[in-house]
Amino acid sequence: MASAALRPLCLCWALGPAAAVPNILLLLMDDMGWGDLGAFGEPSKETPNLDQMAAEGMLFLDFYTANPLCSPSRAALLTGRLPVRNGFYTTNAHARNAYTPQDIVGGIQDSELLLPELLKKAGYINKIIGKWHLGHRPQFHPLKHGFDEWFGSPNCHFGPYDNRELPNIPVYRDWEMIGRYYDDFKIDLKTGEANLTQLYLQEALDFISKQQASQQPFFLYWAIDATHAPVYASKQFLGTSQRGLYGDAVREIDDSIGKILRHLQQLGISENTFVFFTSDNGAALISAPKQGGSNGPFLCGKQTTFEGGMREPAIAWWPGHIPAGGVSHQLGNVMDLFTTSLSLAGLQPPSDRQIDGIDLLPVMLQGKLIDRPIFYYRGNEMMAVRVGLYKAHYWTWSNSWEEYGKGTDFCPGQSVSGVTTHTQEEHTYLPLLFHLGRDPGEKFPLSFASEEYQRAMERITGIVQQHKDTLMPGEPQLNVCDKAIMNWSPPGCEKLGKCLKAPESDPKKCSWPH
């Protein structure tokens, strides 16, 4: 693992006698959209626990992911760095979304410092529950990158596969697999029934109880995936939502989070536990409405750098510290959870590398606003930037005409002429500019000749130039695929009699169509 000096900070809040630092609980959803919660205006109002969490804490209306796709956004959260810096991107083609399917050769590099590694320096015990998605080969295992415990999977719950052409995805407990999706952990694709969210809930409750009893601070990363297609819910939630199966999954997640927060309160540690809820990227409109969510008033969804692809629901909750009923317009990013968590632990971020996340504690505890830009990346390209209420598009692209012709539509019912383009359109010399306060749906670009355009772009241009001048891209990790390194024989398969025969190695450039 890489090393970096971490200097203690002065803690500025009263934590009580039980612990010197607060527990940290990050609730990361999968493909959940900005418009999926009642607190964000979802009309069926089926998320009472998350709405209550928002009422007791702070709602972030302008919170973003670092990439409109799962793996890069998770790498950004855990490193505090843009995917183009931490290696979670591809150079196989321009501005392509890439992730970690089970034939990917790359993953999180040892040179990257992950949040759980750093929190260990402050005495934290760290657990991940759910989807890892930063590489499935042995060197990328989460317990080699700072986590002490794991219950979950390295990849998405795609399948079922025949275990000959493709292996079913393994489920791990700590170092070893304990079964595979569909073979041992059932997901009924016809009904949508699966008990996984209940398993993830119980894992969280048990871990919290164990850590409270041991009086050790904990970091729990609850990265569940019920709202990622194929969407699932347990039997007692099936058919209970006005929104269909996707709504059933959201209702079960909401119920689970309510139980987790009540558990913290019953154990008497809610005032010593910082909780943050958000999603890895926007709702997958390609799967909607049966298998995907809502991005509210925003344009397009997952896979795009329009607002619907990257603006996320976000709630901070820390009773006795974060004032109840807060609503913030702070521009936030999942990378800020890295820096904020270190600050909570009394640690400064590593000084030997560029960290993109900022500390949000002044925002949450004192109501401050911090001036900072938001960069919208798709693969190796900076597509857009937001400064204040202005968003400038330097490139626009939804997906190719070829993919669109096959039925892949990331912006169903939302075509905006000259904006949701099916060819990659460069606007570097005259960016498309939107005022997101007046036009959150990115439908009305400002006139190039207007004084408002000139004034806003004068400021934005300098920020973009500085960013590009100082950017040092990391080694791309998502370029090479090889069927031989799939989950054929994960650790522990021998004990279960579930090792499978791998094909001959045949590494190739991964194909990323969009």
Protein backbone atom coordinates (compact mmCIF):
# COMPACT_ATOMS: atom_id res chain seq x y z
CA MET A 1 0.00 0.00 0.00
CA ALA A 2 1.05 3.55 -0.59
CA SER A 3 1.91 5.66 2.41
CA ALA A 4 1.43 9.31 3.18
CA ALA A 5 1.81 11.48 6.21
CA LEU A 6 -1.47 12.13 7.97
CA ARG A 7 -1.44 14.89 10.53
CA PRO A 8 -4.06 14.91 13.31
CA LEU A 9 -6.52 17.76 13.33
CA CYS A 10 -8.15 19.40 16.33
CA LEU A 11 -11.64 18.00 16.78
CA CYS A 12 -14.12 20.82 17.23
CA TRP A 13 -17.18 18.97 18.47
CA ALA A 14 -18.09 17.22 21.71
CA LEU A 15 -18.16 13.49 21.17
CA GLY A 16 -18.91 12.39 24.71
CA PRO A 17 -16.98 9.90 26.81
CA ALA A 18 -17.67 6.81 24.70
CA ALA A 19 -15.28 7.58 21.84
CA ALA A 20 -12.72 10.11 20.70
CA VAL A 21 -13.98 10.10 17.12
CA PRO A 22 -17.44 9.54 15.63
CA ASN A 23 -18.54 6.43 13.78
CA ILE A 24 -18.99 6.92 10.03
CA LEU A 25 -21.80 5.29 8.05
CA LEU A 26 -21.97 5.88 4.30
CA LEU A 27 -25.15 4.65 2.60
CA LEU A 28 -24.43 4.39 -1.14
CA MET A 29 -27.32 3.46 -3.40
CA ASP A 30 -27.03 1.98 -6.88
CA ASP A 31 -28.63 3.82 -9.83
CA MET A 32 -31.03 5.70 -7.54
CA GLY A 33 -32.11 9.02 -9.02
CA TRP A 34 -32.46 12.53 -7.60
CA GLY A 35 -36.23 12.26 -7.96
CA ASP A 36 -36.72 8.93 -6.18
CA LEU A 37 -37.32 10.23 -2.64
CA GLY A 38 -40.36 11.98 -1.21
CA ALA A 39 -38.06 14.63 0.26
CA PHE A 40 -36.99 15.45 -3.30
CA GLY A 41 -40.56 15.62 -4.60
CA GLU A 42 -41.37 12.04 -5.67
CA PRO A 43 -45.21 12.15 -5.81
CA SER A 44 -46.06 8.76 -4.29
CA LYS A 45 -44.25 9.68 -1.02
CA GLU A 46 -43.12 6.13 -0.31
CA THR A 47 -39.85 6.90 1.50
CA PRO A 48 -40.97 7.98 5.00
CA ASN A 49 -37.74 6.98 6.72
CA LEU A 50 -35.44 8.80 4.33
CA ASP A 51 -37.79 11.78 4.40
CA GLN A 52 -37.57 11.72 8.21
CA MET A 53 -33.79 11.46 7.96
CA ALA A 54 -33.82 14.59 5.80
CA ALA A 55 -36.12 16.39 8.25
CA GLU A 56 -33.75 15.56 11.11
CA GLY A 57 -30.61 16.40 9.15
CA MET A 58 -29.52 18.29 6.05
CA LEU A 59 -30.72 17.91 2.47
CA PHE A 60 -28.16 18.58 -0.28
CA LEU A 61 -29.91 19.72 -3.47
CA ASP A 62 -26.75 20.19 -5.56
CA PHE A 63 -24.77 17.03 -4.81
CA TYR A 64 -22.95 15.20 -7.60
CA THR A 65 -21.17 12.01 -8.43
CA ALA A 66 -17.73 12.06 -10.04
CA ASN A 67 -18.79 9.96 -13.04
CA PRO A 68 -22.14 8.84 -14.51
CA LEU A 69 -21.29 5.15 -14.03
CA CYS A 70 -20.87 2.78 -11.09
CA SER A 71 -17.20 1.71 -10.79
CA PRO A 72 -15.54 5.09 -11.44
CA SER A 73 -17.88 6.89 -9.03
CA ARG A 74 -17.10 4.34 -6.27
CA ALA A 75 -13.37 4.64 -6.89
CA ALA A 76 -13.74 8.41 -6.63
CA LEU A 77 -15.66 8.19 -3.34
CA LEU A 78 -13.08 5.94 -1.69
CA THR A 79 -10.00 7.83 -2.97
CA GLY A 80 -11.31 11.42 -2.97
CA ARG A 81 -9.95 11.71 -6.52
CA LEU A 82 -11.45 12.07 -9.99
CA PRO A 83 -11.49 8.76 -11.91
CA VAL A 84 -9.14 10.26 -14.50
CA ARG A 85 -6.60 10.59 -11.66
CA ASN A 86 -7.17 7.24 -9.90
CA GLY A 87 -7.15 5.19 -13.11
CA PHE A 88 -10.83 4.29 -13.35
CA TYR A 89 -11.26 5.27 -16.98
CA THR A 90 -10.39 4.04 -20.46
CA THR A 91 -8.34 5.42 -23.33
CA ASN A 92 -9.62 2.82 -25.80
CA ALA A 93 -11.87 5.48 -27.33
CA HIS A 94 -12.74 9.11 -26.66
CA ALA A 95 -15.18 9.95 -23.83
CA ARG A 96 -16.29 6.37 -23.18
CA ASN A 97 -17.86 5.14 -19.96
CA ALA A 98 -16.03 2.10 -18.61
CA TYR A 99 -16.53 0.00 -15.49
CA THR A 100 -15.51 -3.36 -14.00
CA PRO A 101 -17.40 -6.27 -15.56
CA GLN A 102 -15.96 -9.63 -14.58
CA ASP A 103 -13.64 -9.86 -17.58
CA ILE A 104 -11.83 -6.60 -16.73
CA VAL A 105 -8.12 -7.04 -16.05
CA GLY A 106 -7.63 -3.82 -14.07
CA GLY A 107 -8.83 -2.51 -10.74
CA ILE A 108 -7.89 -0.23 -7.89
CA GLN A 109 -4.12 0.23 -7.82
CA ASP A 110 -1.97 -0.27 -4.72
CA SER A 111 -0.66 3.26 -5.20
CA GLU A 112 -4.12 4.66 -4.41
CA LEU A 113 -4.89 5.40 -0.76
CA LEU A 114 -8.44 4.39 0.14
CA LEU A 115 -10.53 5.88 2.92
CA PRO A 116 -10.60 2.72 5.10
CA GLU A 117 -6.79 2.42 4.94
CA LEU A 118 -6.44 5.93 6.27
CA LEU A 119 -9.16 5.59 8.90
CA LYS A 120 -7.23 2.69 10.43
CA LYS A 121 -4.69 5.26 11.58
CA ALA A 122 -7.40 6.69 13.85
CA GLY A 123 -8.41 3.27 15.19
CA TYR A 124 -11.43 2.55 13.00
CA ILE A 125 -12.75 -0.93 12.22
CA ASN A 126 -14.02 -0.93 8.63
CA LYS A 127 -16.68 -3.01 6.88
CA ILE A 128 -18.10 -3.01 3.37
CA ILE A 129 -21.54 -4.49 2.79
CA GLY A 130 -22.69 -4.96 -0.79
CA LYS A 131 -21.02 -4.13 -4.10
CA TRP A 132 -17.27 -3.44 -4.23
CA HIS A 133 -16.83 -2.94 -8.01
CA LEU A 134 -13.18 -1.84 -7.88
CA GLY A 135 -11.82 -5.05 -9.40
CA HIS A 136 -12.38 -8.73 -8.57
CA ARG A 137 -8.88 -10.20 -8.95
CA PRO A 138 -7.00 -11.11 -5.73
CA GLN A 139 -4.85 -7.96 -5.63
CA PHE A 140 -7.97 -5.78 -5.71
CA HIS A 141 -9.79 -7.48 -2.81
CA PRO A 142 -11.29 -4.88 -0.41
CA LEU A 143 -9.56 -6.49 2.60
CA LYS A 144 -6.25 -5.65 0.90
CA HIS A 145 -7.31 -2.01 0.73
CA GLY A 146 -8.23 -1.20 4.30
CA PHE A 147 -11.48 -3.01 4.98
CA ASP A 148 -11.55 -5.50 7.86
CA GLU A 149 -14.78 -7.23 6.88
CA TRP A 150 -16.84 -7.76 3.73
CA PHE A 151 -20.18 -9.28 2.95
CA GLY A 152 -21.14 -8.79 -0.66
CA SER A 153 -19.98 -9.13 -4.22
CA PRO A 154 -17.18 -7.78 -6.42
CA ASN A 155 -19.49 -7.19 -9.41
CA CYS A 156 -23.07 -6.41 -10.39
CA HIS A 157 -25.68 -9.13 -9.85
CA PHE A 158 -26.06 -9.81 -13.57
CA GLY A 159 -27.02 -13.32 -14.60
CA PRO A 160 -27.91 -16.11 -14.37
CA TYR A 161 -25.04 -17.62 -16.30
CA ASP A 162 -24.43 -21.28 -17.13
CA ASN A 163 -21.06 -21.51 -15.30
CA ARG A 164 -19.51 -22.81 -18.53
CA GLU A 165 -19.46 -19.89 -20.96
CA LEU A 166 -19.68 -17.40 -18.08
CA PRO A 167 -19.46 -17.95 -14.31
CA ASN A 168 -22.10 -16.66 -11.94
CA ILE A 169 -20.88 -13.81 -9.74
CA PRO A 170 -19.56 -14.86 -6.30
CA VAL A 171 -20.75 -13.55 -2.95
CA TYR A 172 -17.99 -13.13 -0.35
CA ARG A 173 -17.71 -13.19 3.38
CA ASP A 174 -14.40 -11.54 4.14
CA TRP A 175 -11.60 -13.26 2.20
CA GLU A 176 -13.57 -16.11 0.63
CA MET A 177 -16.62 -16.72 -1.48
CA ILE A 178 -19.58 -18.37 0.26
CA GLY A 179 -21.69 -18.94 -2.85
CA ARG A 180 -22.77 -17.42 -6.13
CA TYR A 181 -25.70 -15.29 -7.22
CA TYR A 182 -28.57 -17.34 -8.65
CA ASP A 183 -26.96 -20.68 -7.62
CA ASP A 184 -26.91 -19.99 -3.86
CA PHE A 185 -28.27 -16.44 -3.47
CA LYS A 186 -31.52 -16.53 -5.40
CA ILE A 187 -32.82 -13.72 -7.58
CA ASP A 188 -36.06 -14.55 -9.39
CA LEU A 189 -35.97 -12.53 -12.59
CA LYS A 190 -39.66 -13.25 -13.33
CA THR A 191 -41.05 -11.96 -10.03
CA GLY A 192 -38.14 -9.78 -8.88
CA GLU A 193 -37.99 -11.61 -5.56
CA ALA A 194 -34.67 -11.76 -3.70
CA ASN A 195 -33.79 -11.60 -0.03
CA LEU A 196 -30.48 -9.79 -0.46
CA THR A 197 -31.51 -6.42 1.02
CA GLN A 198 -32.63 -8.20 4.19
CA LEU A 199 -29.26 -9.95 4.39
CA TYR A 200 -27.46 -6.64 3.93
CA LEU A 201 -29.65 -5.04 6.60
CA GLN A 202 -28.91 -7.77 9.16
CA GLU A 203 -25.18 -7.55 8.41
CA ALA A 204 -25.30 -3.83 9.15
CA LEU A 205 -27.25 -4.22 12.40
CA ASP A 206 -24.94 -6.99 13.64
CA PHE A 207 -21.77 -5.06 12.79
CA ILE A 208 -23.01 -1.91 14.51
CA SER A 209 -23.96 -3.88 17.64
CA LYS A 210 -20.58 -5.62 17.72
CA GLN A 211 -18.65 -2.36 17.37
CA GLN A 212 -20.76 -0.60 19.98
CA ALA A 213 -20.06 -3.42 22.42
CA SER A 214 -16.31 -3.28 21.73
CA GLN A 215 -16.27 0.54 22.06
CA GLN A 216 -14.27 0.84 18.82
CA PRO A 217 -15.14 3.48 16.22
CA PHE A 218 -16.38 2.02 12.97
CA PHE A 219 -16.63 2.91 9.31
CA LEU A 220 -19.50 1.10 7.61
CA TYR A 221 -19.82 1.40 3.83
CA TRP A 222 -23.32 0.07 2.99
CA ALA A 223 -23.23 -0.20 -0.80
CA ILE A 224 -26.35 -2.16 -1.68
CA ASP A 225 -27.64 -2.70 -5.21
CA ALA A 226 -31.38 -3.55 -5.22
CA THR A 227 -32.22 -0.56 -7.45
CA HIS A 228 -29.75 -1.64 -10.18
CA ALA A 229 -31.36 -3.71 -12.93
CA PRO A 230 -32.30 -6.50 -12.57
CA VAL A 231 -34.18 -4.81 -9.71
CA TYR A 232 -35.22 -6.95 -6.74
CA ALA A 233 -37.11 -6.83 -3.44
CA SER A 234 -37.94 -9.37 -0.75
CA LYS A 235 -41.33 -11.07 -0.69
CA GLN A 236 -42.96 -8.82 1.90
CA PHE A 237 -42.28 -5.72 -0.24
CA LEU A 238 -43.26 -7.09 -3.64
CA GLY A 239 -46.36 -5.42 -5.02
CA THR A 240 -46.52 -2.75 -2.29
CA SER A 241 -45.46 0.31 -4.32
CA GLN A 242 -47.44 2.51 -6.68
CA ARG A 243 -44.26 2.60 -8.78
CA GLY A 244 -44.05 -1.14 -9.49
CA LEU A 245 -41.03 -3.35 -8.83
CA TYR A 246 -38.54 -0.48 -8.76
CA GLY A 247 -40.67 1.25 -6.14
CA ASP A 248 -40.83 -2.02 -4.15
CA ALA A 249 -37.02 -2.03 -4.04
CA VAL A 250 -36.93 1.62 -2.94
CA ARG A 251 -39.51 0.97 -0.22
CA GLU A 252 -37.46 -1.93 1.16
CA ILE A 253 -34.30 0.18 1.17
CA ASP A 254 -36.16 2.99 2.93
CA ASP A 255 -37.47 0.56 5.55
CA SER A 256 -33.97 -0.87 6.06
CA ILE A 257 -32.39 2.55 6.53
CA GLY A 258 -35.10 3.41 9.05
CA LYS A 259 -34.19 0.28 11.02
CA ILE A 260 -30.48 1.12 10.90
CA LEU A 261 -31.04 4.67 12.20
CA ARG A 262 -33.37 3.44 14.94
CA HIS A 263 -30.75 0.84 15.90
CA LEU A 264 -28.19 3.60 16.35
CA GLN A 265 -30.66 5.49 18.55
CA GLN A 266 -31.54 2.44 20.63
CA LEU A 267 -27.86 1.72 21.24
CA GLY A 268 -27.38 5.33 22.33
CA ILE A 269 -24.77 6.09 19.66
CA SER A 270 -26.74 8.19 17.17
CA GLU A 271 -25.09 11.40 18.38
CA ASN A 272 -21.71 9.75 17.89
CA THR A 273 -22.42 8.45 14.37
CA PHE A 274 -22.20 10.53 11.20
CA VAL A 275 -24.49 9.15 8.47
CA PHE A 276 -24.57 10.19 4.82
CA PHE A 277 -26.94 8.90 2.15
CA THR A 278 -26.40 9.27 -1.60
CA SER A 279 -26.22 7.33 -4.90
CA ASP A 280 -23.40 6.30 -7.24
CA ASN A 281 -24.94 7.88 -10.37
CA GLY A 282 -28.27 8.99 -11.77
CA ALA A 283 -31.21 6.70 -12.42
CA ALA A 284 -30.82 4.35 -15.39
CA LEU A 285 -33.57 5.69 -17.66
CA ILE A 286 -32.73 2.98 -20.18
CA SER A 287 -34.29 0.55 -17.65
CA ALA A 288 -37.20 2.80 -16.63
CA PRO A 289 -39.96 2.74 -15.65
CA LYS A 290 -40.10 -0.94 -14.63
CA GLN A 291 -36.43 -1.35 -13.76
CA GLY A 292 -35.26 2.24 -13.30
CA GLY A 293 -35.95 5.34 -11.25
CA SER A 294 -36.51 9.06 -11.64
CA ASN A 295 -34.09 11.96 -12.05
CA GLY A 296 -36.79 14.52 -11.29
CA PRO A 297 -36.62 17.63 -13.50
CA PHE A 298 -33.15 16.88 -14.83
CA LEU A 299 -32.04 15.91 -18.33
CA CYS A 300 -31.25 12.30 -19.27
CA GLY A 301 -29.76 9.77 -16.85
CA LYS A 302 -27.00 7.31 -16.05
CA GLN A 303 -24.17 7.17 -18.63
CA THR A 304 -24.52 10.88 -19.51
CA THR A 305 -22.96 14.06 -18.12
CA PHE A 306 -26.26 15.90 -18.20
CA GLU A 307 -27.73 16.70 -14.78
CA GLY A 308 -29.82 13.52 -14.68
CA GLY A 309 -26.71 11.39 -14.98
CA MET A 310 -24.67 13.03 -12.23
CA ARG A 311 -26.82 14.99 -9.75
CA GLU A 312 -27.69 12.75 -6.81
CA PRO A 313 -30.04 12.64 -3.84
CA ALA A 314 -27.99 13.36 -0.69
CA ILE A 315 -28.82 13.57 3.01
CA ALA A 316 -26.50 14.14 5.99
CA TRP A 317 -27.67 13.04 9.46
CA TRP A 318 -25.84 13.50 12.75
CA PRO A 319 -28.20 14.28 15.66
CA GLY A 320 -26.89 16.88 18.06
CA HIS A 321 -24.37 18.20 15.53
CA ILE A 322 -26.07 18.84 12.18
CA PRO A 323 -29.08 21.14 12.78
CA ALA A 324 -32.40 19.54 11.85
CA GLY A 325 -34.30 20.70 8.79
CA GLY A 326 -31.30 22.06 6.93
CA VAL A 327 -31.32 22.52 3.17
CA SER A 328 -28.01 23.30 1.47
CA HIS A 329 -27.20 24.56 -2.01
CA GLN A 330 -23.53 23.72 -1.51
CA LEU A 331 -22.04 22.13 -4.62
CA GLY A 332 -21.03 18.74 -3.24
CA ASN A 333 -19.48 15.61 -4.70
CA VAL A 334 -19.09 11.98 -3.60
CA MET A 335 -15.34 12.69 -3.40
CA ASP A 336 -16.09 15.07 -0.52
CA LEU A 337 -17.11 12.08 1.60
CA PHE A 338 -13.46 11.00 1.58
CA THR A 339 -12.15 14.32 2.87
CA THR A 340 -15.06 14.90 5.24
CA SER A 341 -14.66 11.44 6.78
CA LEU A 342 -10.95 12.04 7.36
CA SER A 343 -11.80 15.35 9.01
CA LEU A 344 -14.28 13.58 11.29
CA ALA A 345 -11.51 11.16 12.25
CA GLY A 346 -9.13 14.02 13.03
CA LEU A 347 -6.97 13.35 9.98
CA GLN A 348 -5.87 15.49 7.08
CA PRO A 349 -5.94 14.10 3.52
CA PRO A 350 -2.68 12.81 2.00
CA SER A 351 -0.41 15.63 0.94
CA ASP A 352 1.51 13.69 -1.73
CA ARG A 353 -1.26 13.66 -4.35
CA GLN A 354 -4.09 15.78 -5.73
CA ILE A 355 -7.28 15.32 -3.70
CA ASP A 356 -10.46 16.60 -5.35
CA GLY A 357 -12.84 16.17 -2.42
CA ILE A 358 -13.40 19.03 0.04
CA ASP A 359 -14.35 18.97 3.74
CA LEU A 360 -18.10 19.58 4.04
CA LEU A 361 -18.16 19.86 7.85
CA PRO A 362 -18.24 23.71 7.78
CA VAL A 363 -21.26 23.43 5.49
CA MET A 364 -23.09 20.92 7.66
CA LEU A 365 -22.19 22.25 11.11
CA GLN A 366 -22.04 26.01 10.45
CA GLY A 367 -24.18 26.49 7.33
CA LYS A 368 -21.27 27.85 5.28
CA LEU A 369 -21.02 27.78 1.49
CA ILE A 370 -17.69 26.91 -0.13
CA ASP A 371 -16.95 28.17 -3.63
CA ARG A 372 -15.79 25.26 -5.79
CA PRO A 373 -16.37 23.92 -9.32
CA ILE A 374 -17.89 20.59 -10.31
CA PHE A 375 -16.22 18.78 -13.22
CA TYR A 376 -18.29 16.35 -15.29
CA TYR A 377 -16.08 13.63 -16.75
CA ARG A 378 -16.96 10.86 -19.16
CA GLY A 379 -13.98 8.55 -19.55
CA ASN A 380 -10.91 10.56 -20.47
CA GLU A 381 -12.80 13.75 -21.36
CA MET A 382 -13.99 16.68 -19.28
CA MET A 383 -17.43 17.11 -20.82
CA ALA A 384 -18.74 19.98 -18.71
CA VAL A 385 -18.11 22.13 -15.65
CA ARG A 386 -20.41 23.84 -13.17
CA VAL A 387 -19.42 27.09 -11.46
CA GLY A 388 -22.09 28.60 -9.24
CA LEU A 389 -25.39 28.30 -11.07
CA TYR A 390 -23.78 28.13 -14.50
CA LYS A 391 -22.96 24.91 -16.33
CA ALA A 392 -20.79 24.99 -19.46
CA HIS A 393 -20.77 22.00 -21.83
CA TYR A 394 -17.46 21.58 -23.66
CA TRP A 395 -18.65 18.35 -25.27
CA THR A 396 -22.17 16.93 -25.70
CA TRP A 397 -23.08 13.30 -26.39
CA SER A 398 -25.83 10.99 -25.24
CA ASN A 399 -24.84 7.89 -27.23
CA SER A 400 -24.12 6.88 -30.82
CA TRP A 401 -26.71 6.65 -33.56
CA GLU A 402 -25.76 2.97 -33.88
CA GLU A 403 -26.52 2.22 -30.22
CA TYR A 404 -29.60 4.44 -30.29
CA GLY A 405 -30.84 2.51 -33.32
CA LYS A 406 -30.57 -0.70 -31.30
CA GLY A 407 -32.93 0.74 -28.70
CA THR A 408 -30.38 2.12 -26.24
CA ASP A 409 -31.81 5.48 -25.17
CA PHE A 410 -30.30 7.35 -22.23
CA CYS A 411 -32.72 10.28 -22.63
CA PRO A 412 -36.17 8.74 -23.35
CA GLY A 413 -38.72 11.42 -24.14
CA GLN A 414 -36.17 14.18 -23.51
CA SER A 415 -34.51 14.96 -26.83
CA VAL A 416 -33.17 18.54 -26.84
CA SER A 417 -31.97 19.71 -30.24
CA GLY A 418 -28.25 20.43 -30.31
CA VAL A 419 -27.82 19.21 -26.72
CA THR A 420 -28.65 15.48 -26.41
CA THR A 421 -26.59 14.74 -29.51
CA HIS A 422 -25.93 11.25 -30.94
CA THR A 423 -22.57 12.30 -32.32
CA GLN A 424 -19.81 13.65 -30.12
CA GLU A 425 -20.07 17.40 -30.55
CA GLU A 426 -17.17 19.60 -29.44
CA HIS A 427 -17.97 23.04 -28.01
CA THR A 428 -14.52 23.81 -26.63
CA TYR A 429 -14.25 27.18 -28.31
CA LEU A 430 -17.85 28.24 -27.69
CA PRO A 431 -19.31 26.13 -24.84
CA LEU A 432 -23.04 25.65 -24.44
CA LEU A 433 -23.96 27.52 -21.25
CA PHE A 434 -26.99 26.92 -19.04
CA HIS A 435 -28.24 28.69 -15.93
CA LEU A 436 -29.30 25.75 -13.75
CA GLY A 437 -31.36 27.93 -11.42
CA ARG A 438 -33.69 29.13 -14.19
CA ASP A 439 -33.26 26.06 -16.39
CA PRO A 440 -32.48 22.90 -14.37
CA GLY A 441 -33.49 20.73 -17.33
CA GLU A 442 -30.73 22.13 -19.62
CA LYS A 443 -33.16 23.01 -22.39
CA PHE A 444 -32.38 26.69 -23.02
CA PRO A 445 -28.73 27.54 -23.70
CA LEU A 446 -27.79 31.16 -23.16
CA SER A 447 -27.14 33.31 -26.19
CA PHE A 448 -23.46 33.44 -27.08
CA ALA A 449 -23.80 37.19 -27.71
CA SER A 450 -25.35 37.99 -24.34
CA GLU A 451 -23.49 39.91 -21.67
CA GLU A 452 -24.47 37.19 -19.17
CA TYR A 453 -22.77 34.54 -21.32
CA GLN A 454 -19.60 36.60 -21.69
CA ARG A 455 -19.40 37.39 -18.00
CA ALA A 456 -19.98 33.80 -16.83
CA MET A 457 -17.60 32.26 -19.37
CA GLU A 458 -14.84 34.67 -18.44
CA ARG A 459 -14.76 33.15 -14.97
CA ILE A 460 -15.37 29.56 -16.08
CA THR A 461 -12.61 29.63 -18.71
CA GLY A 462 -9.95 30.44 -16.13
CA ILE A 463 -11.10 27.62 -13.83
CA VAL A 464 -11.11 25.08 -16.66
CA GLN A 465 -7.70 26.21 -17.90
CA GLN A 466 -6.17 25.84 -14.45
CA HIS A 467 -7.72 22.39 -14.05
CA LYS A 468 -6.41 21.15 -17.38
CA ASP A 469 -2.97 22.69 -16.90
CA THR A 470 -2.45 20.87 -13.60
CA LEU A 471 -4.18 17.56 -14.46
CA MET A 472 -1.94 14.49 -14.32
CA PRO A 473 -4.02 11.50 -15.52
CA GLY A 474 -3.45 8.18 -13.81
CA GLU A 475 -2.65 4.92 -15.60
CA PRO A 476 -5.95 3.78 -17.17
CA GLN A 477 -7.15 0.55 -15.57
CA LEU A 478 -10.17 -0.19 -17.76
CA ASN A 479 -8.57 -0.85 -21.13
CA VAL A 480 -7.96 -4.63 -21.17
CA CYS A 481 -10.46 -7.51 -20.89
CA ASP A 482 -9.80 -11.26 -20.70
CA LYS A 483 -12.38 -14.02 -20.15
CA ALA A 484 -9.74 -16.14 -18.42
CA ILE A 485 -9.70 -13.87 -15.36
CA MET A 486 -13.45 -13.99 -14.73
CA ASN A 487 -14.80 -15.34 -11.44
CA TRP A 488 -14.05 -18.95 -12.35
CA SER A 489 -12.23 -19.95 -9.16
CA PRO A 490 -12.46 -17.27 -6.48
CA PRO A 491 -10.84 -17.84 -3.06
CA GLY A 492 -12.88 -20.37 -1.10
CA CYS A 493 -14.33 -22.17 -4.14
CA GLU A 494 -12.42 -25.35 -3.26
CA LYS A 495 -14.18 -25.72 0.11
CA LEU A 496 -17.56 -25.36 -1.60
CA GLY A 497 -16.77 -27.51 -4.63
CA LYS A 498 -17.60 -24.52 -6.82
CA CYS A 499 -14.35 -23.97 -8.72
CA LEU A 500 -14.88 -23.73 -12.47
CA LYS A 501 -12.54 -24.34 -15.40
CA ALA A 502 -11.22 -21.15 -16.95
CA PRO A 503 -10.58 -20.76 -20.70
CA GLU A 504 -7.16 -19.94 -22.13
CA SER A 505 -6.01 -16.38 -21.59
CA ASP A 506 -6.80 -14.10 -24.50
CA PRO A 507 -6.42 -10.45 -23.46
CA LYS A 508 -8.09 -7.88 -25.72
CA LYS A 509 -8.97 -4.23 -25.74
CA CYS A 510 -12.31 -3.81 -23.99
CA SER A 511 -15.12 -2.48 -26.13
CA TRP A 512 -16.94 0.47 -24.59
CA PRO A 513 -19.71 1.55 -27.00
CA HIS A 514 -20.82 4.59 -25.00
